[in-house]
């Protein structure tokens, strides 16, 4: 999971795609420990968040599409705030195309 999150922060679409092809379950993994990202993307990932939360927060449109194609849950809201990636996605009009 950490490798996927690093690739998202780095906006490395090729690496994200390769990781998801090698292990499609990465798209549905939940974060087990809260962490503040301060470099590349400024965003808190909470326990229960998915890689989709981080990609959406970082406006990584192509990576969001890759994660959704790999069956990441756009409604995942199991963190303590009960906020899902769709909350962030609404701020990304390029995803609605």
N, C-alpha and C. Protein backbone atom coordinates (compact mmCIF):
# COMPACT_ATOMS: atom_id res chain seq x y z
N UNK A 1 0.83 -1.20 0.00
CA UNK A 1 0.00 0.00 0.00
C UNK A 1 0.87 1.25 0.00
N UNK A 2 1.94 1.24 0.79
CA UNK A 2 2.80 2.43 0.90
C UNK A 2 3.39 2.80 -0.46
N UNK A 3 3.77 1.79 -1.24
CA UNK A 3 4.33 2.05 -2.57
C UNK A 3 3.30 2.74 -3.46
N UNK A 4 2.06 2.31 -3.38
CA UNK A 4 0.99 2.93 -4.16
C UNK A 4 0.78 4.38 -3.73
N UNK A 5 0.73 4.62 -2.43
CA UNK A 5 0.53 5.98 -1.94
C UNK A 5 1.68 6.90 -2.36
N UNK A 6 2.90 6.39 -2.34
CA UNK A 6 4.06 7.17 -2.77
C UNK A 6 3.95 7.50 -4.26
N UNK A 7 3.53 6.54 -5.06
CA UNK A 7 3.37 6.78 -6.50
C UNK A 7 2.29 7.82 -6.76
N UNK A 8 1.24 7.83 -5.94
CA UNK A 8 0.18 8.83 -6.08
C UNK A 8 0.73 10.22 -5.76
N UNK A 9 1.42 10.33 -4.65
CA UNK A 9 2.01 11.63 -4.27
C UNK A 9 2.94 12.13 -5.36
N UNK A 10 3.73 11.22 -5.94
CA UNK A 10 4.68 11.58 -6.99
C UNK A 10 4.00 11.79 -8.34
N UNK A 11 2.70 11.55 -8.43
CA UNK A 11 1.94 11.65 -9.68
C UNK A 11 2.53 10.74 -10.75
N UNK A 12 2.94 9.55 -10.32
CA UNK A 12 3.57 8.58 -11.21
C UNK A 12 2.51 7.61 -11.71
N UNK A 13 1.83 8.00 -12.78
CA UNK A 13 0.72 7.22 -13.32
C UNK A 13 1.15 5.85 -13.81
N UNK A 14 2.32 5.79 -14.42
CA UNK A 14 2.83 4.51 -14.94
C UNK A 14 3.03 3.53 -13.78
N UNK A 15 3.62 4.01 -12.71
CA UNK A 15 3.85 3.16 -11.53
C UNK A 15 2.53 2.72 -10.89
N UNK A 16 1.59 3.65 -10.76
CA UNK A 16 0.28 3.31 -10.19
C UNK A 16 -0.38 2.22 -11.03
N UNK A 17 -0.37 2.40 -12.34
CA UNK A 17 -1.00 1.41 -13.23
C UNK A 17 -0.34 0.04 -13.08
N UNK A 18 0.99 0.01 -13.01
CA UNK A 18 1.71 -1.25 -12.86
C UNK A 18 1.40 -1.90 -11.51
N UNK A 19 1.35 -1.11 -10.46
CA UNK A 19 1.04 -1.65 -9.13
C UNK A 19 -0.36 -2.25 -9.09
N UNK A 20 -1.32 -1.56 -9.70
CA UNK A 20 -2.70 -2.05 -9.71
C UNK A 20 -2.84 -3.30 -10.57
N UNK A 21 -2.07 -3.37 -11.65
CA UNK A 21 -2.12 -4.58 -12.47
C UNK A 21 -1.52 -5.77 -11.73
N UNK A 22 -0.45 -5.52 -10.97
CA UNK A 22 0.20 -6.59 -10.21
C UNK A 22 -0.63 -7.03 -9.02
N UNK A 23 -1.35 -6.11 -8.41
CA UNK A 23 -2.15 -6.42 -7.22
C UNK A 23 -3.41 -5.55 -7.21
N UNK A 24 -4.46 -5.98 -7.91
CA UNK A 24 -5.69 -5.18 -8.00
C UNK A 24 -6.34 -4.87 -6.65
N UNK A 25 -6.05 -5.66 -5.63
CA UNK A 25 -6.64 -5.42 -4.31
C UNK A 25 -6.11 -4.14 -3.66
N UNK A 26 -5.01 -3.61 -4.17
CA UNK A 26 -4.50 -2.34 -3.64
C UNK A 26 -5.53 -1.22 -3.77
N UNK A 27 -6.37 -1.31 -4.79
CA UNK A 27 -7.37 -0.27 -5.02
C UNK A 27 -8.42 -0.23 -3.91
N UNK A 28 -8.58 -1.32 -3.20
CA UNK A 28 -9.61 -1.39 -2.17
C UNK A 28 -9.05 -1.42 -0.74
N UNK A 29 -7.72 -1.41 -0.62
CA UNK A 29 -7.10 -1.43 0.72
C UNK A 29 -7.44 -0.16 1.50
N UNK A 30 -7.58 -0.32 2.80
CA UNK A 30 -7.86 0.81 3.69
C UNK A 30 -6.60 1.16 4.46
N UNK A 31 -6.43 2.43 4.73
CA UNK A 31 -5.30 2.91 5.51
C UNK A 31 -5.47 2.46 6.96
N UNK A 32 -4.40 1.93 7.54
CA UNK A 32 -4.47 1.42 8.90
C UNK A 32 -3.98 2.39 9.96
N UNK A 33 -3.29 3.45 9.51
CA UNK A 33 -2.75 4.43 10.46
C UNK A 33 -2.83 5.82 9.83
N UNK A 34 -3.35 6.77 10.58
CA UNK A 34 -3.49 8.14 10.07
C UNK A 34 -2.12 8.73 9.76
N UNK A 35 -2.08 9.55 8.72
CA UNK A 35 -0.82 10.15 8.30
C UNK A 35 -1.08 11.47 7.57
N UNK A 36 -0.27 12.46 7.90
CA UNK A 36 -0.34 13.74 7.20
C UNK A 36 0.69 13.75 6.08
N UNK A 37 0.22 13.99 4.88
CA UNK A 37 1.12 14.17 3.73
C UNK A 37 1.36 15.66 3.59
N UNK A 38 2.61 16.04 3.58
CA UNK A 38 2.96 17.45 3.51
C UNK A 38 3.80 17.78 2.29
N UNK A 39 4.15 16.79 1.51
CA UNK A 39 4.99 17.01 0.34
C UNK A 39 4.29 16.44 -0.88
N UNK A 40 4.14 17.23 -1.91
CA UNK A 40 3.45 16.78 -3.12
C UNK A 40 1.95 16.97 -3.03
N UNK A 41 1.37 16.47 -1.98
CA UNK A 41 -0.06 16.62 -1.69
C UNK A 41 -0.15 16.95 -0.20
N UNK A 42 -0.85 18.02 0.13
CA UNK A 42 -1.06 18.34 1.54
C UNK A 42 -2.43 17.80 1.92
N UNK A 43 -2.42 16.68 2.66
CA UNK A 43 -3.69 16.03 2.98
C UNK A 43 -3.50 15.03 4.10
N UNK A 44 -4.48 14.96 5.00
CA UNK A 44 -4.52 13.91 6.01
C UNK A 44 -5.19 12.68 5.42
N UNK A 45 -4.55 11.53 5.55
CA UNK A 45 -5.21 10.26 5.29
C UNK A 45 -5.55 9.69 6.65
N UNK A 46 -6.80 9.33 6.84
CA UNK A 46 -7.27 8.80 8.11
C UNK A 46 -7.41 7.28 8.05
N UNK A 47 -7.44 6.66 9.19
CA UNK A 47 -7.71 5.22 9.26
C UNK A 47 -9.04 4.97 8.55
N UNK A 48 -9.04 4.04 7.62
CA UNK A 48 -10.24 3.72 6.85
C UNK A 48 -10.28 4.35 5.48
N UNK A 49 -9.41 5.33 5.23
CA UNK A 49 -9.34 5.94 3.89
C UNK A 49 -8.71 4.95 2.91
N UNK A 50 -8.87 5.24 1.64
CA UNK A 50 -8.26 4.43 0.57
C UNK A 50 -7.31 5.31 -0.23
N UNK A 51 -6.60 4.68 -1.14
CA UNK A 51 -5.71 5.43 -2.04
C UNK A 51 -6.50 6.45 -2.85
N UNK A 52 -7.75 6.16 -3.11
CA UNK A 52 -8.60 7.08 -3.86
C UNK A 52 -8.77 8.41 -3.13
N UNK A 53 -8.83 8.38 -1.82
CA UNK A 53 -8.91 9.63 -1.04
C UNK A 53 -7.69 10.52 -1.34
N UNK A 54 -6.51 9.91 -1.32
CA UNK A 54 -5.29 10.68 -1.55
C UNK A 54 -5.20 11.19 -2.98
N UNK A 55 -5.53 10.34 -3.94
CA UNK A 55 -5.48 10.74 -5.35
C UNK A 55 -6.46 11.89 -5.63
N UNK A 56 -7.67 11.80 -5.07
CA UNK A 56 -8.65 12.85 -5.27
C UNK A 56 -8.21 14.15 -4.60
N UNK A 57 -7.65 14.04 -3.40
CA UNK A 57 -7.18 15.24 -2.68
C UNK A 57 -6.06 15.93 -3.44
N UNK A 58 -5.24 15.14 -4.13
CA UNK A 58 -4.13 15.70 -4.88
C UNK A 58 -4.50 16.09 -6.30
N UNK A 59 -5.77 15.98 -6.64
CA UNK A 59 -6.25 16.31 -7.99
C UNK A 59 -5.49 15.52 -9.05
N UNK A 60 -5.23 14.26 -8.75
CA UNK A 60 -4.55 13.35 -9.68
C UNK A 60 -5.62 12.66 -10.53
N UNK A 61 -6.15 13.38 -11.49
CA UNK A 61 -7.32 12.94 -12.26
C UNK A 61 -7.09 11.59 -12.93
N UNK A 62 -5.98 11.43 -13.60
CA UNK A 62 -5.72 10.17 -14.30
C UNK A 62 -5.56 9.02 -13.31
N UNK A 63 -4.95 9.29 -12.18
CA UNK A 63 -4.80 8.24 -11.16
C UNK A 63 -6.15 7.90 -10.55
N UNK A 64 -6.99 8.90 -10.33
CA UNK A 64 -8.35 8.63 -9.84
C UNK A 64 -9.06 7.71 -10.82
N UNK A 65 -8.92 7.97 -12.09
CA UNK A 65 -9.56 7.11 -13.10
C UNK A 65 -9.02 5.69 -13.05
N UNK A 66 -7.70 5.55 -12.88
CA UNK A 66 -7.11 4.22 -12.77
C UNK A 66 -7.65 3.48 -11.56
N UNK A 67 -7.74 4.16 -10.43
CA UNK A 67 -8.25 3.54 -9.21
C UNK A 67 -9.72 3.15 -9.35
N UNK A 68 -10.51 4.00 -9.96
CA UNK A 68 -11.92 3.67 -10.17
C UNK A 68 -12.06 2.48 -11.11
N UNK A 69 -11.24 2.43 -12.15
CA UNK A 69 -11.27 1.29 -13.07
C UNK A 69 -10.87 0.00 -12.37
N UNK A 70 -10.05 0.12 -11.32
CA UNK A 70 -9.62 -1.04 -10.54
C UNK A 70 -10.58 -1.35 -9.39
N UNK A 71 -11.73 -0.70 -9.40
CA UNK A 71 -12.82 -0.94 -8.45
C UNK A 71 -12.60 -0.35 -7.06
N UNK A 72 -11.87 0.74 -6.99
CA UNK A 72 -11.79 1.48 -5.73
C UNK A 72 -13.18 2.05 -5.45
N UNK A 73 -13.57 2.06 -4.21
CA UNK A 73 -14.93 2.47 -3.82
C UNK A 73 -15.04 3.99 -3.75
N UNK A 74 -15.77 4.61 -4.67
CA UNK A 74 -15.90 6.07 -4.64
C UNK A 74 -16.74 6.57 -3.47
N UNK A 75 -17.40 5.65 -2.78
CA UNK A 75 -18.23 6.03 -1.63
C UNK A 75 -17.61 5.61 -0.30
N UNK A 76 -16.36 5.17 -0.31
CA UNK A 76 -15.71 4.70 0.92
C UNK A 76 -15.69 5.83 1.95
N UNK A 77 -16.36 5.61 3.05
CA UNK A 77 -16.46 6.65 4.08
C UNK A 77 -16.38 6.01 5.46
N UNK A 78 -15.35 5.21 5.67
CA UNK A 78 -15.23 4.52 6.95
C UNK A 78 -14.27 5.21 7.90
N UNK A 79 -13.75 6.38 7.50
CA UNK A 79 -12.87 7.10 8.43
C UNK A 79 -13.70 7.76 9.53
N UNK A 80 -13.04 8.30 10.51
CA UNK A 80 -13.77 8.88 11.66
C UNK A 80 -14.60 10.10 11.28
N UNK A 81 -14.31 10.72 10.15
CA UNK A 81 -15.08 11.88 9.69
C UNK A 81 -16.25 11.46 8.81
N UNK A 82 -16.28 10.19 8.45
CA UNK A 82 -17.32 9.66 7.54
C UNK A 82 -17.31 10.38 6.20
N UNK A 83 -16.10 10.77 5.74
CA UNK A 83 -15.99 11.48 4.47
C UNK A 83 -15.36 10.57 3.43
N UNK A 84 -15.97 10.56 2.27
CA UNK A 84 -15.47 9.72 1.19
C UNK A 84 -14.79 10.53 0.10
N UNK A 85 -14.20 9.82 -0.84
CA UNK A 85 -13.52 10.50 -1.94
C UNK A 85 -14.46 11.35 -2.79
N UNK A 86 -15.74 11.03 -2.81
CA UNK A 86 -16.68 11.83 -3.61
C UNK A 86 -16.76 13.27 -3.11
N UNK A 87 -16.53 13.45 -1.82
CA UNK A 87 -16.53 14.81 -1.26
C UNK A 87 -15.44 15.64 -1.94
N UNK A 88 -14.31 15.02 -2.20
CA UNK A 88 -13.19 15.70 -2.86
C UNK A 88 -13.45 15.77 -4.36
N UNK A 89 -14.00 14.71 -4.91
CA UNK A 89 -14.21 14.61 -6.36
C UNK A 89 -15.09 15.74 -6.90
N UNK A 90 -16.03 16.20 -6.11
CA UNK A 90 -16.90 17.29 -6.57
C UNK A 90 -16.12 18.53 -6.94
N UNK A 91 -14.92 18.65 -6.40
CA UNK A 91 -14.08 19.81 -6.70
C UNK A 91 -13.26 19.59 -7.95
N UNK A 92 -13.44 18.44 -8.63
CA UNK A 92 -12.64 18.09 -9.79
C UNK A 92 -13.53 17.97 -11.02
N UNK A 93 -13.89 19.08 -11.66
CA UNK A 93 -14.82 19.01 -12.79
C UNK A 93 -14.30 18.16 -13.94
N UNK A 94 -13.00 17.99 -14.07
CA UNK A 94 -12.46 17.19 -15.17
C UNK A 94 -12.81 15.72 -15.03
N UNK A 95 -13.25 15.26 -13.87
CA UNK A 95 -13.65 13.88 -13.70
C UNK A 95 -15.05 13.62 -14.21
N UNK A 96 -15.83 14.64 -14.37
CA UNK A 96 -17.22 14.44 -14.79
C UNK A 96 -17.34 14.21 -16.29
N UNK A 97 -16.25 14.32 -17.00
CA UNK A 97 -16.29 14.10 -18.46
C UNK A 97 -16.36 12.65 -18.80
